[in-house]
Amino acid sequence: MFCSILLAIGISASFTKRIARLRKIIKNTARGKFDVKADIGGTDEVAELGMAYNAMLEDLDNTVNALAETKVAQQKAILSALQSQIDSHFLYNTLESINSLAALSGHTQIEQTTIALSKMLRYTSDYKGTVVPVEDEIRHLSNYLDIMKIRMGDDLEYVLDIDSRCLSGFCLKAIMQPIVENSMKHTEVPMDTPLRVWITVGFAVYDNTEYLVIRVVDNGQGFRKEKLEEIAGHIRQINISPLHHQHANIGLLNIHFRLKMYYPHDTHTGIVLGNADRGSGAAVEIRFPFQTHAKQEVSADVLQRDHCG
């Protein structure tokens, strides 16, 4: 019995000592000391509790660091947005001055360009929402196409074909114009041949769900096989893990990433790349579920615009 009592006292003292040590470490954690680990020996439940606490402490430390980095990034974003607003106001005023001078001098093309550019800047610098009516997105694209037509003249021909029912839907902001711009920047056509771009906005049905489909086709050489495979690999990576997207300098992938973040469980949403049916020219499609609210008034000039020739 005496030996049993001594053994019980020894075991109890071991438990008490280690629990007291763990309690002290917990108090230090409450004071903000996350770098002090619980050094609890043994293989019993108290030791397991110490290891679990260390794991929790490490996760907490990582979370605090991530939160601090997020707050720093948020402050930088706020400052950047404020700076952008300051720059935007300066640009608006400058464009208004140029527009007034062009109107007084009778330079119609300069006046049209400054008005279209001013509208584009106002659209992209408005941070109030990421989802806009499709009609607004098409109007933004039309302003860009007007500017490019003035710049390139007969070297550019384009068709903008819109299903009028699409205009009652909503979409992510600034997803159409970058695709068309990408087509104009990277399309190579033979000498004395104008760049031709066809933009259609319509519908398709996948798994009994109606999708809005934006298709941009050009008359260039199309995507090389190696390039298609490379971009397709990046798209698969984004589909699997969007947050590990590391290709911020590629506009197509950025738009695909934004779509996947906004429609995380939709397998049909995103960008689809290929070449035109006849084997020449790149073809880019943007697909996302068609979502509509109250029907909006439609402007006639955005339903069907043909600037070929």
C-alpha atoms as a PDB file:
ATOM      1  CA  MET A   1       0.000   0.000   0.000  1.00  0.00           C
ATOM      2  CA  PHE A   2       2.858   2.360   0.889  1.00  0.00           C
ATOM      3  CA  CYS A   3       4.489   1.729  -2.514  1.00  0.00           C
ATOM      4  CA  SER A   4       1.168   2.294  -4.256  1.00  0.00           C
ATOM      5  CA  ILE A   5       0.739   5.635  -2.468  1.00  0.00           C
ATOM      6  CA  LEU A   6       4.256   6.722  -3.451  1.00  0.00           C
ATOM      7  CA  LEU A   7       3.597   5.726  -7.068  1.00  0.00           C
ATOM      8  CA  ALA A   8       0.306   7.623  -7.115  1.00  0.00           C
ATOM      9  CA  ILE A   9       1.977  10.715  -5.650  1.00  0.00           C
ATOM     10  CA  GLY A  10       4.738  10.507  -8.290  1.00  0.00           C
ATOM     11  CA  ILE A  11       2.268  10.171 -11.182  1.00  0.00           C
ATOM     12  CA  SER A  12       0.102  12.966  -9.781  1.00  0.00           C
ATOM     13  CA  ALA A  13       3.130  15.253  -9.387  1.00  0.00           C
ATOM     14  CA  SER A  14       4.161  14.564 -12.987  1.00  0.00           C
ATOM     15  CA  PHE A  15       0.689  15.450 -14.272  1.00  0.00           C
ATOM     16  CA  THR A  16       0.453  18.523 -12.054  1.00  0.00           C
ATOM     17  CA  LYS A  17       3.876  19.851 -13.012  1.00  0.00           C
ATOM     18  CA  ARG A  18       3.278  19.512 -16.755  1.00  0.00           C
ATOM     19  CA  ILE A  19      -0.220  20.973 -16.559  1.00  0.00           C
ATOM     20  CA  ALA A  20       1.164  23.930 -14.572  1.00  0.00           C
ATOM     21  CA  ARG A  21       3.814  24.430 -17.285  1.00  0.00           C
ATOM     22  CA  LEU A  22       1.152  24.350 -20.010  1.00  0.00           C
ATOM     23  CA  ARG A  23      -0.967  26.829 -18.044  1.00  0.00           C
ATOM     24  CA  LYS A  24       1.982  29.237 -17.841  1.00  0.00           C
ATOM     25  CA  ILE A  25       2.535  29.007 -21.600  1.00  0.00           C
ATOM     26  CA  ILE A  26      -1.161  29.713 -22.218  1.00  0.00           C
ATOM     27  CA  LYS A  27      -0.880  32.864 -20.087  1.00  0.00           C
ATOM     28  CA  ASN A  28       2.122  33.982 -22.161  1.00  0.00           C
ATOM     29  CA  THR A  29       0.105  33.398 -25.316  1.00  0.00           C
ATOM     30  CA  ALA A  30      -2.617  35.663 -23.952  1.00  0.00           C
ATOM     31  CA  ARG A  31       0.049  38.392 -23.712  1.00  0.00           C
ATOM     32  CA  GLY A  32       0.861  37.982 -27.416  1.00  0.00           C
ATOM     33  CA  LYS A  33       3.857  35.642 -27.159  1.00  0.00           C
ATOM     34  CA  PHE A  34       3.233  33.132 -29.947  1.00  0.00           C
ATOM     35  CA  ASP A  35       6.854  31.953 -30.241  1.00  0.00           C
ATOM     36  CA  VAL A  36       6.932  30.047 -26.912  1.00  0.00           C
ATOM     37  CA  LYS A  37       6.112  26.404 -27.550  1.00  0.00           C
ATOM     38  CA  ALA A  38       4.763  23.929 -25.006  1.00  0.00           C
ATOM     39  CA  ASP A  39       7.657  21.557 -24.238  1.00  0.00           C
ATOM     40  CA  ILE A  40       5.633  18.809 -22.596  1.00  0.00           C
ATOM     41  CA  GLY A  41       7.353  15.432 -22.399  1.00  0.00           C
ATOM     42  CA  GLY A  42       5.790  12.019 -22.175  1.00  0.00           C
ATOM     43  CA  THR A  43       3.454   9.929 -24.289  1.00  0.00           C
ATOM     44  CA  ASP A  44       0.210  10.285 -22.376  1.00  0.00           C
ATOM     45  CA  GLU A  45      -2.845  12.542 -22.795  1.00  0.00           C
ATOM     46  CA  VAL A  46      -1.063  15.598 -21.336  1.00  0.00           C
ATOM     47  CA  ALA A  47       1.698  15.244 -23.934  1.00  0.00           C
ATOM     48  CA  GLU A  48      -0.909  14.966 -26.711  1.00  0.00           C
ATOM     49  CA  LEU A  49      -2.593  18.083 -25.338  1.00  0.00           C
ATOM     50  CA  GLY A  50       0.736  19.921 -25.497  1.00  0.00           C
ATOM     51  CA  MET A  51       1.342  18.874 -29.099  1.00  0.00           C
ATOM     52  CA  ALA A  52      -2.200  19.909 -30.082  1.00  0.00           C
ATOM     53  CA  TYR A  53      -1.670  23.271 -28.419  1.00  0.00           C
ATOM     54  CA  ASN A  54       1.609  23.787 -30.298  1.00  0.00           C
ATOM     55  CA  ALA A  55      -0.139  23.037 -33.596  1.00  0.00           C
ATOM     56  CA  MET A  56      -2.923  25.465 -32.733  1.00  0.00           C
ATOM     57  CA  LEU A  57      -0.347  28.092 -31.752  1.00  0.00           C
ATOM     58  CA  GLU A  58       1.453  27.715 -35.085  1.00  0.00           C
ATOM     59  CA  ASP A  59      -1.822  28.056 -37.008  1.00  0.00           C
ATOM     60  CA  LEU A  60      -2.715  31.122 -34.953  1.00  0.00           C
ATOM     61  CA  ASP A  61       0.676  32.680 -35.645  1.00  0.00           C
ATOM     62  CA  ASN A  62       0.262  32.079 -39.382  1.00  0.00           C
ATOM     63  CA  THR A  63      -3.233  33.549 -39.290  1.00  0.00           C
ATOM     64  CA  VAL A  64      -2.039  36.687 -37.492  1.00  0.00           C
ATOM     65  CA  ASN A  65       0.783  37.146 -40.023  1.00  0.00           C
ATOM     66  CA  ALA A  66      -1.599  36.628 -42.932  1.00  0.00           C
ATOM     67  CA  LEU A  67      -4.024  39.153 -41.427  1.00  0.00           C
ATOM     68  CA  ALA A  68      -1.222  41.693 -41.035  1.00  0.00           C
ATOM     69  CA  GLU A  69      -0.158  41.192 -44.652  1.00  0.00           C
ATOM     70  CA  THR A  70      -3.775  41.536 -45.785  1.00  0.00           C
ATOM     71  CA  LYS A  71      -4.161  44.817 -43.910  1.00  0.00           C
ATOM     72  CA  VAL A  72      -0.966  46.156 -45.488  1.00  0.00           C
ATOM     73  CA  ALA A  73      -2.185  45.101 -48.932  1.00  0.00           C
ATOM     74  CA  GLN A  74      -5.558  46.700 -48.218  1.00  0.00           C
ATOM     75  CA  GLN A  75      -3.919  49.991 -47.284  1.00  0.00           C
ATOM     76  CA  LYS A  76      -1.828  49.885 -50.451  1.00  0.00           C
ATOM     77  CA  ALA A  77      -4.947  49.186 -52.497  1.00  0.00           C
ATOM     78  CA  ILE A  78      -6.762  52.132 -50.892  1.00  0.00           C
ATOM     79  CA  LEU A  79      -3.836  54.446 -51.605  1.00  0.00           C
ATOM     80  CA  SER A  80      -3.611  53.142 -55.151  1.00  0.00           C
ATOM     81  CA  ALA A  81      -7.333  53.693 -55.672  1.00  0.00           C
ATOM     82  CA  LEU A  82      -7.095  57.235 -54.326  1.00  0.00           C
ATOM     83  CA  GLN A  83      -4.119  57.918 -56.573  1.00  0.00           C
ATOM     84  CA  SER A  84      -6.018  56.488 -59.536  1.00  0.00           C
ATOM     85  CA  GLN A  85      -8.954  58.754 -58.783  1.00  0.00           C
ATOM     86  CA  ILE A  86      -6.671  61.770 -58.649  1.00  0.00           C
ATOM     87  CA  ASP A  87      -5.064  60.772 -61.955  1.00  0.00           C
ATOM     88  CA  SER A  88      -8.493  60.084 -63.462  1.00  0.00           C
ATOM     89  CA  HIS A  89      -9.815  63.537 -62.568  1.00  0.00           C
ATOM     90  CA  PHE A  90      -6.749  65.077 -64.125  1.00  0.00           C
ATOM     91  CA  LEU A  91      -7.252  63.017 -67.276  1.00  0.00           C
ATOM     92  CA  TYR A  92     -10.961  63.867 -67.454  1.00  0.00           C
ATOM     93  CA  ASN A  93     -10.241  67.581 -67.242  1.00  0.00           C
ATOM     94  CA  THR A  94      -7.473  67.306 -69.818  1.00  0.00           C
ATOM     95  CA  LEU A  95      -9.685  65.349 -72.198  1.00  0.00           C
ATOM     96  CA  GLU A  96     -12.477  67.881 -71.788  1.00  0.00           C
ATOM     97  CA  SER A  97     -10.019  70.638 -72.701  1.00  0.00           C
ATOM     98  CA  ILE A  98      -8.834  68.714 -75.769  1.00  0.00           C
ATOM     99  CA  ASN A  99     -12.444  68.040 -76.732  1.00  0.00           C
ATOM    100  CA  SER A 100     -13.318  71.737 -76.486  1.00  0.00           C
ATOM    101  CA  LEU A 101     -10.285  72.741 -78.578  1.00  0.00           C
ATOM    102  CA  ALA A 102     -11.144  70.088 -81.182  1.00  0.00           C
ATOM    103  CA  ALA A 103     -14.743  71.271 -81.381  1.00  0.00           C
ATOM    104  CA  LEU A 104     -13.639  74.899 -81.832  1.00  0.00           C
ATOM    105  CA  SER A 105     -11.170  73.867 -84.540  1.00  0.00           C
ATOM    106  CA  GLY A 106     -13.620  71.594 -86.324  1.00  0.00           C
ATOM    107  CA  HIS A 107     -11.550  68.406 -85.826  1.00  0.00           C
ATOM    108  CA  THR A 108     -14.369  65.867 -85.631  1.00  0.00           C
ATOM    109  CA  GLN A 109     -12.213  62.765 -85.237  1.00  0.00           C
ATOM    110  CA  ILE A 110     -10.245  64.259 -82.330  1.00  0.00           C
ATOM    111  CA  GLU A 111     -13.508  65.222 -80.672  1.00  0.00           C
ATOM    112  CA  GLN A 112     -14.961  61.720 -81.133  1.00  0.00           C
ATOM    113  CA  THR A 113     -11.779  60.078 -79.820  1.00  0.00           C
ATOM    114  CA  THR A 114     -11.584  62.180 -76.672  1.00  0.00           C
ATOM    115  CA  ILE A 115     -15.259  61.617 -75.879  1.00  0.00           C
ATOM    116  CA  ALA A 116     -14.938  57.831 -76.323  1.00  0.00           C
ATOM    117  CA  LEU A 117     -11.727  57.705 -74.265  1.00  0.00           C
ATOM    118  CA  SER A 118     -13.287  59.775 -71.492  1.00  0.00           C
ATOM    119  CA  LYS A 119     -16.244  57.391 -71.307  1.00  0.00           C
ATOM    120  CA  MET A 120     -13.902  54.393 -71.155  1.00  0.00           C
ATOM    121  CA  LEU A 121     -11.888  55.933 -68.306  1.00  0.00           C
ATOM    122  CA  ARG A 122     -14.994  56.773 -66.312  1.00  0.00           C
ATOM    123  CA  TYR A 123     -16.289  53.232 -66.756  1.00  0.00           C
ATOM    124  CA  THR A 124     -13.104  51.461 -65.679  1.00  0.00           C
ATOM    125  CA  SER A 125     -12.327  53.830 -62.784  1.00  0.00           C
ATOM    126  CA  ASP A 126     -15.731  53.357 -61.127  1.00  0.00           C
ATOM    127  CA  TYR A 127     -15.026  50.992 -58.193  1.00  0.00           C
ATOM    128  CA  LYS A 128     -18.617  50.762 -56.937  1.00  0.00           C
ATOM    129  CA  GLY A 129     -19.422  47.369 -58.411  1.00  0.00           C
ATOM    130  CA  THR A 130     -17.899  44.394 -60.178  1.00  0.00           C
ATOM    131  CA  VAL A 131     -21.149  43.308 -61.857  1.00  0.00           C
ATOM    132  CA  VAL A 132     -22.726  45.535 -64.501  1.00  0.00           C
ATOM    133  CA  PRO A 133     -25.520  45.325 -67.077  1.00  0.00           C
ATOM    134  CA  VAL A 134     -24.407  43.662 -70.299  1.00  0.00           C
ATOM    135  CA  GLU A 135     -25.558  46.783 -72.148  1.00  0.00           C
ATOM    136  CA  ASP A 136     -22.999  48.896 -70.222  1.00  0.00           C
ATOM    137  CA  GLU A 137     -20.245  46.391 -71.002  1.00  0.00           C
ATOM    138  CA  ILE A 138     -21.111  46.484 -74.706  1.00  0.00           C
ATOM    139  CA  ARG A 139     -21.163  50.264 -74.683  1.00  0.00           C
ATOM    140  CA  HIS A 140     -17.671  50.248 -73.150  1.00  0.00           C
ATOM    141  CA  LEU A 141     -16.520  47.862 -75.886  1.00  0.00           C
ATOM    142  CA  SER A 142     -18.121  50.081 -78.548  1.00  0.00           C
ATOM    143  CA  ASN A 143     -16.179  53.107 -77.302  1.00  0.00           C
ATOM    144  CA  TYR A 144     -12.951  51.126 -77.612  1.00  0.00           C
ATOM    145  CA  LEU A 145     -13.835  49.960 -81.125  1.00  0.00           C
ATOM    146  CA  ASP A 146     -14.680  53.524 -82.176  1.00  0.00           C
ATOM    147  CA  ILE A 147     -11.243  54.701 -81.035  1.00  0.00           C
ATOM    148  CA  MET A 148      -9.470  51.853 -82.808  1.00  0.00           C
ATOM    149  CA  LYS A 149     -11.435  52.491 -86.015  1.00  0.00           C
ATOM    150  CA  ILE A 150     -10.352  56.141 -85.979  1.00  0.00           C
ATOM    151  CA  ARG A 151      -6.739  55.117 -85.338  1.00  0.00           C
ATOM    152  CA  MET A 152      -6.526  52.323 -87.908  1.00  0.00           C
ATOM    153  CA  GLY A 153      -8.951  53.530 -90.548  1.00  0.00           C
ATOM    154  CA  ASP A 154      -9.324  51.077 -93.436  1.00  0.00           C
ATOM    155  CA  ASP A 155      -6.852  48.687 -91.781  1.00  0.00           C
ATOM    156  CA  LEU A 156      -9.593  47.605 -89.373  1.00  0.00           C
ATOM    157  CA  GLU A 157     -13.000  46.102 -90.066  1.00  0.00           C
ATOM    158  CA  TYR A 158     -15.247  44.749 -87.357  1.00  0.00           C
ATOM    159  CA  VAL A 159     -18.724  43.416 -86.821  1.00  0.00           C
ATOM    160  CA  LEU A 160     -20.486  43.644 -83.467  1.00  0.00           C
ATOM    161  CA  ASP A 161     -23.522  41.364 -83.512  1.00  0.00           C
ATOM    162  CA  ILE A 162     -25.661  41.340 -80.356  1.00  0.00           C
ATOM    163  CA  ASP A 163     -28.707  39.271 -79.511  1.00  0.00           C
ATOM    164  CA  SER A 164     -30.958  41.968 -78.036  1.00  0.00           C
ATOM    165  CA  ARG A 165     -32.163  39.650 -75.248  1.00  0.00           C
ATOM    166  CA  CYS A 166     -28.594  39.546 -73.877  1.00  0.00           C
ATOM    167  CA  LEU A 167     -28.829  43.201 -72.922  1.00  0.00           C
ATOM    168  CA  SER A 168     -31.216  42.377 -70.071  1.00  0.00           C
ATOM    169  CA  GLY A 169     -28.524  40.301 -68.357  1.00  0.00           C
ATOM    170  CA  PHE A 170     -25.638  41.129 -66.058  1.00  0.00           C
ATOM    171  CA  CYS A 171     -21.957  40.225 -66.265  1.00  0.00           C
ATOM    172  CA  LEU A 172     -18.600  40.885 -64.634  1.00  0.00           C
ATOM    173  CA  LYS A 173     -17.155  44.265 -65.442  1.00  0.00           C
ATOM    174  CA  ALA A 174     -14.462  44.743 -68.118  1.00  0.00           C
ATOM    175  CA  ILE A 175     -14.356  41.237 -69.569  1.00  0.00           C
ATOM    176  CA  MET A 176     -15.250  41.956 -73.226  1.00  0.00           C
ATOM    177  CA  GLN A 177     -12.922  44.799 -74.201  1.00  0.00           C
ATOM    178  CA  PRO A 178      -9.675  43.087 -73.056  1.00  0.00           C
ATOM    179  CA  ILE A 179     -10.475  40.035 -75.220  1.00  0.00           C
ATOM    180  CA  VAL A 180     -11.007  42.200 -78.305  1.00  0.00           C
ATOM    181  CA  GLU A 181      -7.913  44.250 -77.507  1.00  0.00           C
ATOM    182  CA  ASN A 182      -5.912  41.045 -77.145  1.00  0.00           C
ATOM    183  CA  SER A 183      -7.107  39.951 -80.590  1.00  0.00           C
ATOM    184  CA  MET A 184      -6.068  43.258 -82.172  1.00  0.00           C
ATOM    185  CA  LYS A 185      -2.654  43.300 -80.493  1.00  0.00           C
ATOM    186  CA  HIS A 186      -1.599  39.762 -81.362  1.00  0.00           C
ATOM    187  CA  THR A 187      -3.263  39.104 -84.720  1.00  0.00           C
ATOM    188  CA  GLU A 188      -0.940  39.114 -87.726  1.00  0.00           C
ATOM    189  CA  VAL A 189      -2.488  39.548 -91.183  1.00  0.00           C
ATOM    190  CA  PRO A 190      -0.834  39.674 -94.625  1.00  0.00           C
ATOM    191  CA  MET A 191       0.179  42.993 -96.138  1.00  0.00           C
ATOM    192  CA  ASP A 192      -2.658  44.983 -97.746  1.00  0.00           C
ATOM    193  CA  THR A 193      -5.192  42.897 -95.821  1.00  0.00           C
ATOM    194  CA  PRO A 194      -7.286  44.638 -93.152  1.00  0.00           C
ATOM    195  CA  LEU A 195      -7.632  43.144 -89.710  1.00  0.00           C
ATOM    196  CA  ARG A 196     -11.153  41.767 -89.399  1.00  0.00           C
ATOM    197  CA  VAL A 197     -12.761  41.013 -86.051  1.00  0.00           C
ATOM    198  CA  TRP A 198     -16.182  39.453 -85.529  1.00  0.00           C
ATOM    199  CA  ILE A 199     -17.772  39.847 -82.082  1.00  0.00           C
ATOM    200  CA  THR A 200     -21.012  38.034 -81.338  1.00  0.00           C
ATOM    201  CA  VAL A 201     -22.971  37.969 -78.098  1.00  0.00           C
ATOM    202  CA  GLY A 202     -25.599  35.264 -77.869  1.00  0.00           C
ATOM    203  CA  PHE A 203     -26.812  32.218 -75.971  1.00  0.00           C
ATOM    204  CA  ALA A 204     -25.998  28.540 -75.537  1.00  0.00           C
ATOM    205  CA  VAL A 205     -27.476  25.827 -73.311  1.00  0.00           C
ATOM    206  CA  TYR A 206     -25.328  23.462 -71.217  1.00  0.00           C
ATOM    207  CA  ASP A 207     -26.900  20.945 -68.825  1.00  0.00           C
ATOM    208  CA  ASN A 208     -30.312  22.619 -69.188  1.00  0.00           C
ATOM    209  CA  THR A 209     -28.861  25.991 -68.097  1.00  0.00           C
ATOM    210  CA  GLU A 210     -28.797  29.032 -70.372  1.00  0.00           C
ATOM    211  CA  TYR A 211     -25.398  30.672 -70.757  1.00  0.00           C
ATOM    212  CA  LEU A 212     -24.399  33.969 -72.273  1.00  0.00           C
ATOM    213  CA  VAL A 213     -21.618  33.376 -74.814  1.00  0.00           C
ATOM    214  CA  ILE A 214     -19.311  36.100 -76.140  1.00  0.00           C
ATOM    215  CA  ARG A 215     -17.306  34.968 -79.165  1.00  0.00           C
ATOM    216  CA  VAL A 216     -14.410  36.910 -80.709  1.00  0.00           C
ATOM    217  CA  VAL A 217     -12.937  35.678 -84.010  1.00  0.00           C
ATOM    218  CA  ASP A 218     -10.246  37.313 -86.164  1.00  0.00           C
ATOM    219  CA  ASN A 219      -8.762  36.653 -89.608  1.00  0.00           C
ATOM    220  CA  GLY A 220      -5.171  36.108 -88.447  1.00  0.00           C
ATOM    221  CA  GLN A 221      -3.042  32.974 -88.353  1.00  0.00           C
ATOM    222  CA  GLY A 222      -4.793  31.615 -85.281  1.00  0.00           C
ATOM    223  CA  PHE A 223      -3.261  30.076 -82.180  1.00  0.00           C
ATOM    224  CA  ARG A 224      -0.202  27.891 -82.607  1.00  0.00           C
ATOM    225  CA  LYS A 225      -0.660  24.384 -81.237  1.00  0.00           C
ATOM    226  CA  GLU A 226       2.037  24.913 -78.588  1.00  0.00           C
ATOM    227  CA  LYS A 227       0.440  28.174 -77.406  1.00  0.00           C
ATOM    228  CA  LEU A 228      -2.996  26.592 -77.178  1.00  0.00           C
ATOM    229  CA  GLU A 229      -1.624  23.746 -75.076  1.00  0.00           C
ATOM    230  CA  GLU A 230       0.266  26.153 -72.812  1.00  0.00           C
ATOM    231  CA  ILE A 231      -2.759  28.360 -72.116  1.00  0.00           C
ATOM    232  CA  ALA A 232      -5.023  25.302 -71.748  1.00  0.00           C
ATOM    233  CA  GLY A 233      -2.655  23.994 -69.061  1.00  0.00           C
ATOM    234  CA  HIS A 234      -2.868  27.280 -67.155  1.00  0.00           C
ATOM    235  CA  ILE A 235      -6.667  27.217 -67.438  1.00  0.00           C
ATOM    236  CA  ARG A 236      -6.757  23.700 -65.967  1.00  0.00           C
ATOM    237  CA  GLN A 237      -4.614  24.895 -63.056  1.00  0.00           C
ATOM    238  CA  ILE A 238      -7.003  27.775 -62.395  1.00  0.00           C
ATOM    239  CA  ASN A 239      -9.975  25.388 -62.538  1.00  0.00           C
ATOM    240  CA  ILE A 240      -8.363  23.138 -59.924  1.00  0.00           C
ATOM    241  CA  SER A 241      -7.047  25.871 -57.617  1.00  0.00           C
ATOM    242  CA  PRO A 242      -7.983  29.465 -58.566  1.00  0.00           C
ATOM    243  CA  LEU A 243      -6.146  31.023 -55.608  1.00  0.00           C
ATOM    244  CA  HIS A 244      -2.817  29.711 -56.925  1.00  0.00           C
ATOM    245  CA  HIS A 245      -3.245  31.734 -60.114  1.00  0.00           C
ATOM    246  CA  GLN A 246       0.173  33.289 -60.863  1.00  0.00           C
ATOM    247  CA  HIS A 247      -0.274  34.634 -64.389  1.00  0.00           C
ATOM    248  CA  ALA A 248      -1.425  38.210 -63.769  1.00  0.00           C
ATOM    249  CA  ASN A 249       0.271  39.441 -66.971  1.00  0.00           C
ATOM    250  CA  ILE A 250      -1.938  37.328 -69.267  1.00  0.00           C
ATOM    251  CA  GLY A 251      -5.297  39.005 -69.864  1.00  0.00           C
ATOM    252  CA  LEU A 252      -7.142  35.869 -70.978  1.00  0.00           C
ATOM    253  CA  LEU A 253      -6.177  33.997 -67.819  1.00  0.00           C
ATOM    254  CA  ASN A 254      -7.088  36.938 -65.597  1.00  0.00           C
ATOM    255  CA  ILE A 255     -10.598  36.999 -67.031  1.00  0.00           C
ATOM    256  CA  HIS A 256     -10.916  33.225 -66.661  1.00  0.00           C
ATOM    257  CA  PHE A 257      -9.712  33.541 -63.053  1.00  0.00           C
ATOM    258  CA  ARG A 258     -12.291  36.263 -62.280  1.00  0.00           C
ATOM    259  CA  LEU A 259     -15.085  34.183 -63.789  1.00  0.00           C
ATOM    260  CA  LYS A 260     -14.078  31.104 -61.782  1.00  0.00           C
ATOM    261  CA  MET A 261     -13.946  33.118 -58.568  1.00  0.00           C
ATOM    262  CA  TYR A 262     -17.410  34.580 -59.206  1.00  0.00           C
ATOM    263  CA  TYR A 263     -18.965  31.265 -60.359  1.00  0.00           C
ATOM    264  CA  PRO A 264     -16.884  28.803 -58.287  1.00  0.00           C
ATOM    265  CA  HIS A 265     -19.087  25.734 -58.776  1.00  0.00           C
ATOM    266  CA  ASP A 266     -19.943  26.148 -62.454  1.00  0.00           C
ATOM    267  CA  THR A 267     -17.903  23.845 -64.686  1.00  0.00           C
ATOM    268  CA  HIS A 268     -19.017  25.482 -67.958  1.00  0.00           C
ATOM    269  CA  THR A 269     -18.100  29.042 -66.963  1.00  0.00           C
ATOM    270  CA  GLY A 270     -14.821  30.462 -68.219  1.00  0.00           C
ATOM    271  CA  ILE A 271     -12.809  31.046 -71.374  1.00  0.00           C
ATOM    272  CA  VAL A 272     -12.563  28.555 -74.229  1.00  0.00           C
ATOM    273  CA  LEU A 273      -9.805  28.971 -76.826  1.00  0.00           C
ATOM    274  CA  GLY A 274      -9.502  27.552 -80.311  1.00  0.00           C
ATOM    275  CA  ASN A 275      -9.187  28.459 -83.962  1.00  0.00           C
ATOM    276  CA  ALA A 276     -11.886  29.401 -86.438  1.00  0.00           C
ATOM    277  CA  ASP A 277     -13.824  26.626 -88.156  1.00  0.00           C
ATOM    278  CA  ARG A 278     -12.069  27.145 -91.484  1.00  0.00           C
ATOM    279  CA  GLY A 279      -8.631  26.730 -89.916  1.00  0.00           C
ATOM    280  CA  SER A 280      -7.563  30.379 -89.909  1.00  0.00           C
ATOM    281  CA  GLY A 281      -8.036  32.969 -87.224  1.00  0.00           C
ATOM    282  CA  ALA A 282      -8.174  32.711 -83.446  1.00  0.00           C
ATOM    283  CA  ALA A 283     -11.490  32.148 -81.698  1.00  0.00           C
ATOM    284  CA  VAL A 284     -12.057  33.062 -78.048  1.00  0.00           C
ATOM    285  CA  GLU A 285     -15.277  32.397 -76.163  1.00  0.00           C
ATOM    286  CA  ILE A 286     -16.401  33.703 -72.787  1.00  0.00           C
ATOM    287  CA  ARG A 287     -19.182  31.696 -71.154  1.00  0.00           C
ATOM    288  CA  PHE A 288     -21.123  32.365 -67.956  1.00  0.00           C
ATOM    289  CA  PRO A 289     -24.672  31.767 -66.688  1.00  0.00           C
ATOM    290  CA  PHE A 290     -27.266  34.181 -68.003  1.00  0.00           C
ATOM    291  CA  GLN A 291     -28.721  36.089 -65.072  1.00  0.00           C
ATOM    292  CA  THR A 292     -31.286  38.822 -65.484  1.00  0.00           C
ATOM    293  CA  HIS A 293     -33.098  41.334 -63.318  1.00  0.00           C
ATOM    294  CA  ALA A 294     -35.613  43.967 -64.362  1.00  0.00           C
ATOM    295  CA  LYS A 295     -35.561  44.436 -68.112  1.00  0.00           C
ATOM    296  CA  GLN A 296     -33.696  47.580 -69.073  1.00  0.00           C
ATOM    297  CA  GLU A 297     -34.276  50.018 -71.869  1.00  0.00           C
ATOM    298  CA  VAL A 298     -32.228  49.083 -74.915  1.00  0.00           C
ATOM    299  CA  SER A 299     -30.479  51.582 -77.140  1.00  0.00           C
ATOM    300  CA  ALA A 300     -31.006  50.789 -80.827  1.00  0.00           C
ATOM    301  CA  ASP A 301     -27.451  51.660 -81.850  1.00  0.00           C
ATOM    302  CA  VAL A 302     -25.897  48.860 -79.770  1.00  0.00           C
ATOM    303  CA  LEU A 303     -28.066  46.042 -81.119  1.00  0.00           C
ATOM    304  CA  GLN A 304     -26.332  45.651 -84.458  1.00  0.00           C
ATOM    305  CA  ARG A 305     -23.220  47.549 -85.537  1.00  0.00           C
ATOM    306  CA  ASP A 306     -21.346  46.782 -88.739  1.00  0.00           C
ATOM    307  CA  HIS A 307     -18.238  48.825 -89.548  1.00  0.00           C
ATOM    308  CA  CYS A 308     -16.840  46.668 -92.344  1.00  0.00           C
ATOM    309  CA  GLY A 309     -15.567  48.763 -95.242  1.00  0.00           C
END
